[in-house]
Structures are given as C-alpha cells and as structure tokens.
C-alpha atoms as a PDB file:
ATOM      1  CA  UNK A   1      -4.493  13.686  12.458  1.00  0.00           C
ATOM      2  CA  UNK A   2      -1.515  15.838  11.518  1.00  0.00           C
ATOM      3  CA  UNK A   3      -0.477  16.442   7.928  1.00  0.00           C
ATOM      4  CA  UNK A   4       2.796  14.638   8.632  1.00  0.00           C
ATOM      5  CA  UNK A   5       0.894  11.570   9.889  1.00  0.00           C
ATOM      6  CA  UNK A   6      -1.322  11.602   6.780  1.00  0.00           C
ATOM      7  CA  UNK A   7       1.757  11.680   4.526  1.00  0.00           C
ATOM      8  CA  UNK A   8       3.326   8.823   6.501  1.00  0.00           C
ATOM      9  CA  UNK A   9       0.190   6.691   6.220  1.00  0.00           C
ATOM     10  CA  UNK A  10      -0.064   7.422   2.484  1.00  0.00           C
ATOM     11  CA  UNK A  11       3.593   6.448   2.029  1.00  0.00           C
ATOM     12  CA  UNK A  12       2.918   3.153   3.795  1.00  0.00           C
ATOM     13  CA  UNK A  13      -0.136   2.479   1.626  1.00  0.00           C
ATOM     14  CA  UNK A  14       1.897   3.172  -1.527  1.00  0.00           C
ATOM     15  CA  UNK A  15       5.008   1.277  -0.504  1.00  0.00           C
ATOM     16  CA  UNK A  16       3.869  -1.716   1.531  1.00  0.00           C
ATOM     17  CA  UNK A  17       2.398  -4.514  -0.549  1.00  0.00           C
ATOM     18  CA  UNK A  18       2.180  -8.243   0.118  1.00  0.00           C
ATOM     19  CA  UNK A  19       5.042 -10.255  -1.337  1.00  0.00           C
ATOM     20  CA  UNK A  20       5.956 -13.900  -1.303  1.00  0.00           C
ATOM     21  CA  UNK A  21       9.607 -13.587  -0.275  1.00  0.00           C
ATOM     22  CA  UNK A  22      12.258 -10.896  -0.716  1.00  0.00           C
ATOM     23  CA  UNK A  23      11.085  -8.407  -3.313  1.00  0.00           C
ATOM     24  CA  UNK A  24      14.182  -8.446  -5.565  1.00  0.00           C
ATOM     25  CA  UNK A  25      14.056 -12.121  -6.608  1.00  0.00           C
ATOM     26  CA  UNK A  26      10.257 -11.970  -6.575  1.00  0.00           C
ATOM     27  CA  UNK A  27      10.411  -9.088  -9.099  1.00  0.00           C
ATOM     28  CA  UNK A  28      12.427 -11.431 -11.344  1.00  0.00           C
ATOM     29  CA  UNK A  29       9.812 -14.171 -10.866  1.00  0.00           C
ATOM     30  CA  UNK A  30       7.119 -11.602 -11.700  1.00  0.00           C
ATOM     31  CA  UNK A  31       8.991 -10.655 -14.884  1.00  0.00           C
ATOM     32  CA  UNK A  32       9.332 -14.305 -15.903  1.00  0.00           C
ATOM     33  CA  UNK A  33       5.652 -15.006 -15.243  1.00  0.00           C
ATOM     34  CA  UNK A  34       4.714 -11.924 -17.276  1.00  0.00           C
ATOM     35  CA  UNK A  35       6.773 -13.215 -20.208  1.00  0.00           C
ATOM     36  CA  UNK A  36       5.268 -16.698 -19.981  1.00  0.00           C
ATOM     37  CA  UNK A  37       1.747 -15.249 -20.127  1.00  0.00           C
ATOM     38  CA  UNK A  38       2.580 -13.992 -23.639  1.00  0.00           C
ATOM     39  CA  UNK A  39       4.001 -17.283 -24.939  1.00  0.00           C
ATOM     40  CA  UNK A  40       1.840 -19.946 -26.557  1.00  0.00           C
ATOM     41  CA  UNK A  41       4.393 -22.717 -27.112  1.00  0.00           C
ATOM     42  CA  UNK A  42       5.832 -22.431 -23.588  1.00  0.00           C
ATOM     43  CA  UNK A  43       8.681 -24.880 -24.271  1.00  0.00           C
ATOM     44  CA  UNK A  44      11.419 -22.740 -22.759  1.00  0.00           C
ATOM     45  CA  UNK A  45      14.643 -22.547 -24.740  1.00  0.00           C
ATOM     46  CA  UNK A  46      16.306 -19.761 -22.754  1.00  0.00           C
ATOM     47  CA  UNK A  47      15.700 -17.260 -19.964  1.00  0.00           C
ATOM     48  CA  UNK A  48      17.957 -14.220 -19.761  1.00  0.00           C
ATOM     49  CA  UNK A  49      17.820 -11.982 -16.693  1.00  0.00           C
ATOM     50  CA  UNK A  50      19.513  -8.584 -16.463  1.00  0.00           C
ATOM     51  CA  UNK A  51      19.243  -6.632 -13.216  1.00  0.00           C
ATOM     52  CA  UNK A  52      20.680  -3.487 -11.686  1.00  0.00           C
ATOM     53  CA  UNK A  53      23.678  -3.920  -9.375  1.00  0.00           C
ATOM     54  CA  UNK A  54      21.461  -3.166  -6.371  1.00  0.00           C
ATOM     55  CA  UNK A  55      19.018  -5.960  -7.281  1.00  0.00           C
ATOM     56  CA  UNK A  56      21.894  -8.384  -7.927  1.00  0.00           C
ATOM     57  CA  UNK A  57      23.433  -7.589  -4.535  1.00  0.00           C
ATOM     58  CA  UNK A  58      20.145  -7.996  -2.694  1.00  0.00           C
ATOM     59  CA  UNK A  59      19.091 -11.207  -4.446  1.00  0.00           C
ATOM     60  CA  UNK A  60      22.232 -13.339  -4.611  1.00  0.00           C
ATOM     61  CA  UNK A  61      21.833 -15.281  -1.379  1.00  0.00           C
ATOM     62  CA  UNK A  62      18.115 -14.843  -0.683  1.00  0.00           C
ATOM     63  CA  UNK A  63      16.041 -18.029  -0.572  1.00  0.00           C
ATOM     64  CA  UNK A  64      13.255 -18.228  -3.126  1.00  0.00           C
ATOM     65  CA  UNK A  65      10.146 -19.312  -1.163  1.00  0.00           C
ATOM     66  CA  UNK A  66       9.054 -22.877  -1.716  1.00  0.00           C
ATOM     67  CA  UNK A  67      12.269 -23.913  -3.488  1.00  0.00           C
ATOM     68  CA  UNK A  68      14.854 -24.267  -0.725  1.00  0.00           C
ATOM     69  CA  UNK A  69      17.395 -22.521  -2.954  1.00  0.00           C
ATOM     70  CA  UNK A  70      18.603 -18.943  -3.369  1.00  0.00           C
ATOM     71  CA  UNK A  71      19.242 -16.736  -6.344  1.00  0.00           C
ATOM     72  CA  UNK A  72      17.950 -15.184  -9.512  1.00  0.00           C
ATOM     73  CA  UNK A  73      18.177 -18.347 -11.634  1.00  0.00           C
ATOM     74  CA  UNK A  74      15.804 -20.145  -9.275  1.00  0.00           C
ATOM     75  CA  UNK A  75      13.546 -17.073  -9.036  1.00  0.00           C
ATOM     76  CA  UNK A  76      13.309 -16.812 -12.836  1.00  0.00           C
ATOM     77  CA  UNK A  77      12.609 -20.533 -13.197  1.00  0.00           C
ATOM     78  CA  UNK A  78       9.985 -20.431 -10.428  1.00  0.00           C
ATOM     79  CA  UNK A  79       8.219 -17.508 -12.085  1.00  0.00           C
ATOM     80  CA  UNK A  80       8.315 -19.184 -15.490  1.00  0.00           C
ATOM     81  CA  UNK A  81       7.065 -22.573 -14.272  1.00  0.00           C
ATOM     82  CA  UNK A  82       4.705 -21.726 -11.411  1.00  0.00           C
ATOM     83  CA  UNK A  83       4.178 -17.969 -11.582  1.00  0.00           C
ATOM     84  CA  UNK A  84       0.956 -16.010 -11.841  1.00  0.00           C
ATOM     85  CA  UNK A  85       1.773 -12.422 -12.813  1.00  0.00           C
ATOM     86  CA  UNK A  86      -1.813 -11.295 -12.145  1.00  0.00           C
ATOM     87  CA  UNK A  87      -1.148 -11.379  -8.389  1.00  0.00           C
ATOM     88  CA  UNK A  88       1.880  -9.090  -8.434  1.00  0.00           C
ATOM     89  CA  UNK A  89       4.500  -9.797  -5.791  1.00  0.00           C
ATOM     90  CA  UNK A  90       2.581 -12.888  -4.658  1.00  0.00           C
ATOM     91  CA  UNK A  91       3.528 -14.331  -8.054  1.00  0.00           C
ATOM     92  CA  UNK A  92       4.845 -17.674  -6.761  1.00  0.00           C
ATOM     93  CA  UNK A  93       2.463 -18.078  -3.850  1.00  0.00           C
ATOM     94  CA  UNK A  94       0.743 -20.947  -5.713  1.00  0.00           C
ATOM     95  CA  UNK A  95       3.969 -22.909  -6.209  1.00  0.00           C
ATOM     96  CA  UNK A  96       3.346 -26.595  -5.496  1.00  0.00           C
ATOM     97  CA  UNK A  97       5.821 -29.223  -4.309  1.00  0.00           C
ATOM     98  CA  UNK A  98       5.220 -31.040  -7.598  1.00  0.00           C
ATOM     99  CA  UNK A  99       6.582 -27.945  -9.453  1.00  0.00           C
ATOM    100  CA  UNK A 100       9.890 -28.055  -7.600  1.00  0.00           C
ATOM    101  CA  UNK A 101      11.756 -30.674  -9.700  1.00  0.00           C
ATOM    102  CA  UNK A 102      10.857 -28.850 -12.929  1.00  0.00           C
ATOM    103  CA  UNK A 103      11.872 -25.482 -11.453  1.00  0.00           C
ATOM    104  CA  UNK A 104      15.223 -26.714 -10.165  1.00  0.00           C
ATOM    105  CA  UNK A 105      15.956 -28.673 -13.353  1.00  0.00           C
ATOM    106  CA  UNK A 106      15.350 -25.528 -15.412  1.00  0.00           C
ATOM    107  CA  UNK A 107      17.347 -23.295 -13.034  1.00  0.00           C
ATOM    108  CA  UNK A 108      20.373 -25.617 -13.230  1.00  0.00           C
ATOM    109  CA  UNK A 109      20.044 -26.582 -16.911  1.00  0.00           C
ATOM    110  CA  UNK A 110      22.193 -23.778 -18.300  1.00  0.00           C
ATOM    111  CA  UNK A 111      19.135 -22.328 -20.062  1.00  0.00           C
ATOM    112  CA  UNK A 112      18.772 -19.617 -17.396  1.00  0.00           C
ATOM    113  CA  UNK A 113      21.347 -16.842 -17.064  1.00  0.00           C
ATOM    114  CA  UNK A 114      21.529 -13.764 -14.852  1.00  0.00           C
ATOM    115  CA  UNK A 115      23.812 -10.798 -15.355  1.00  0.00           C
ATOM    116  CA  UNK A 116      24.255  -7.334 -13.975  1.00  0.00           C
ATOM    117  CA  UNK A 117      22.868  -4.701 -16.330  1.00  0.00           C
ATOM    118  CA  UNK A 118      24.940  -1.587 -16.883  1.00  0.00           C
ATOM    119  CA  UNK A 119      22.191   0.767 -15.742  1.00  0.00           C
ATOM    120  CA  UNK A 120      22.119   3.556 -13.156  1.00  0.00           C
ATOM    121  CA  UNK A 121      18.742   2.417 -11.784  1.00  0.00           C
ATOM    122  CA  UNK A 122      18.371   1.373  -8.169  1.00  0.00           C
ATOM    123  CA  UNK A 123      15.706  -1.098  -9.240  1.00  0.00           C
ATOM    124  CA  UNK A 124      15.858  -2.531 -12.751  1.00  0.00           C
ATOM    125  CA  UNK A 125      14.797  -6.003 -13.888  1.00  0.00           C
ATOM    126  CA  UNK A 126      14.720  -7.230 -17.471  1.00  0.00           C
ATOM    127  CA  UNK A 127      13.656 -10.774 -18.298  1.00  0.00           C
ATOM    128  CA  UNK A 128      13.667 -12.340 -21.757  1.00  0.00           C
ATOM    129  CA  UNK A 129      12.180 -15.776 -22.389  1.00  0.00           C
ATOM    130  CA  UNK A 130      12.533 -17.617 -25.680  1.00  0.00           C
ATOM    131  CA  UNK A 131      10.382 -20.610 -26.546  1.00  0.00           C
ATOM    132  CA  UNK A 132      10.306 -22.556 -29.817  1.00  0.00           C
ATOM    133  CA  UNK A 133       8.242 -19.858 -31.549  1.00  0.00           C
ATOM    134  CA  UNK A 134       8.595 -16.481 -29.835  1.00  0.00           C
ATOM    135  CA  UNK A 135      10.754 -14.213 -27.709  1.00  0.00           C
ATOM    136  CA  UNK A 136       9.213 -12.012 -25.006  1.00  0.00           C
ATOM    137  CA  UNK A 137      11.056  -9.325 -23.046  1.00  0.00           C
ATOM    138  CA  UNK A 138       9.732  -7.404 -20.056  1.00  0.00           C
ATOM    139  CA  UNK A 139      11.477  -4.470 -18.371  1.00  0.00           C
ATOM    140  CA  UNK A 140      10.641  -3.296 -14.858  1.00  0.00           C
ATOM    141  CA  UNK A 141      11.894  -0.172 -13.056  1.00  0.00           C
ATOM    142  CA  UNK A 142      10.836   2.258 -10.351  1.00  0.00           C
ATOM    143  CA  UNK A 143       8.974  -0.393  -8.328  1.00  0.00           C
ATOM    144  CA  UNK A 144       9.049  -4.177  -8.261  1.00  0.00           C
ATOM    145  CA  UNK A 145       5.978  -4.570 -10.502  1.00  0.00           C
ATOM    146  CA  UNK A 146       6.209  -1.418 -12.638  1.00  0.00           C
ATOM    147  CA  UNK A 147       6.422  -2.782 -16.180  1.00  0.00           C
ATOM    148  CA  UNK A 148       7.497   0.010 -18.501  1.00  0.00           C
ATOM    149  CA  UNK A 149       8.251  -2.164 -21.524  1.00  0.00           C
ATOM    150  CA  UNK A 150       6.861  -5.438 -22.850  1.00  0.00           C
ATOM    151  CA  UNK A 151       7.776  -6.800 -26.287  1.00  0.00           C
ATOM    152  CA  UNK A 152       6.825  -9.995 -28.068  1.00  0.00           C
ATOM    153  CA  UNK A 153       9.097 -10.553 -31.044  1.00  0.00           C
ATOM    154  CA  UNK A 154       8.845  -7.262 -32.979  1.00  0.00           C
ATOM    155  CA  UNK A 155       5.513  -6.256 -31.437  1.00  0.00           C
ATOM    156  CA  UNK A 156       5.508  -3.647 -28.657  1.00  0.00           C
ATOM    157  CA  UNK A 157       2.801  -4.512 -26.126  1.00  0.00           C
ATOM    158  CA  UNK A 158       3.685  -1.928 -23.460  1.00  0.00           C
ATOM    159  CA  UNK A 159       5.785   1.181 -24.010  1.00  0.00           C
ATOM    160  CA  UNK A 160       5.662   3.596 -21.067  1.00  0.00           C
ATOM    161  CA  UNK A 161       8.321   6.154 -20.190  1.00  0.00           C
ATOM    162  CA  UNK A 162      11.113   4.565 -18.176  1.00  0.00           C
ATOM    163  CA  UNK A 163      11.187   5.924 -14.615  1.00  0.00           C
ATOM    164  CA  UNK A 164      14.178   8.051 -13.664  1.00  0.00           C
ATOM    165  CA  UNK A 165      17.097   5.996 -12.339  1.00  0.00           C
ATOM    166  CA  UNK A 166      16.491   6.755  -8.662  1.00  0.00           C
ATOM    167  CA  UNK A 167      12.737   7.254  -8.822  1.00  0.00           C
ATOM    168  CA  UNK A 168      10.225   4.995  -7.217  1.00  0.00           C
ATOM    169  CA  UNK A 169       6.865   4.426  -8.808  1.00  0.00           C
ATOM    170  CA  UNK A 170       3.633   3.404  -7.198  1.00  0.00           C
ATOM    171  CA  UNK A 171       3.091  -0.348  -7.294  1.00  0.00           C
ATOM    172  CA  UNK A 172       0.720  -1.527  -9.977  1.00  0.00           C
END
C-alpha cells in the first residue's frame, strides 16, 4: 500500500464517525446532553445556544432525526431531553416517540434560544443550560465532539486549549 493510500485511510478513520443526523445540529444536541449530565435538578429554565456562522448556516433547515422538525432549537431540546452524551454523535439515537411532545414543547416554549456567535471558528458550538439550581456551559470546537471547556456555575470541569479557528481536531 502506498504512503498516500495510508494517509487517506488514516484521514477516513479520523474523520468518519457514526452520527445520528447532520453533524451540526447533532453537535448542539451533544452539547445539551453534556450539560444535562452535570445538572441534578434538571428542571430546565433556559437553554442558550451560540454557534459559528458556518454551523448556523448548515443547521437552519436540517431535520433533527426522530422529531420531524428542523433547527438548532429542536436539536438542543432533543439533546437535553433524550440525549446521551456518552455515545458522541449518536447522542439522540435513543430518542423515543414518547419524548417527542416534551422535546417540541421545550423547543417552542421560548426557553431555548440560538444565536450566531461572533467567532472566527469554522466549527464552534456553545450550549448553556440553566435549571433551578445550577448553570452549565459547554464549548465545542475543532470537531463536533471536541469539548474544550465545561463549567458548572463557578467550577471549571474541563479547560483545554481552544483549537485554532480553522483547525480540526480528532473526534473524541
């Protein structure tokens, strides 16, 4: 096998991972599920999503699997209600039909917002979830599951260097 073929195969191994749906909204669902895993009260008061312009553009009209609806608000609600961050981009694979009313109610309640972040990153996702007791914020960049920052209230749980704006990191 040629060196070029070996590099191509390695690039595929690094960059091709299973995902339930389009990776941009699924990264938001992953961020929401990661936040929820840190909350004990879990009575959601607000979900704030900030994403790079590229993520916003790619996620606006994409259907969120299992919901019948598109967009980042639905993706964030799906991740918060039915997400399992331990499975990476398959985060909402376990979504059940019985979860759907709760997901859509949350997505359309006004408690979930999504805005474009003023960042140079190609891929940047920040999700903050507030419940009755705590606030958790996760920041993702470089790849769809590369968490470089995780904070619960004033406690820093993860603090890795932020990837360069146009860098891509190996999936974790």
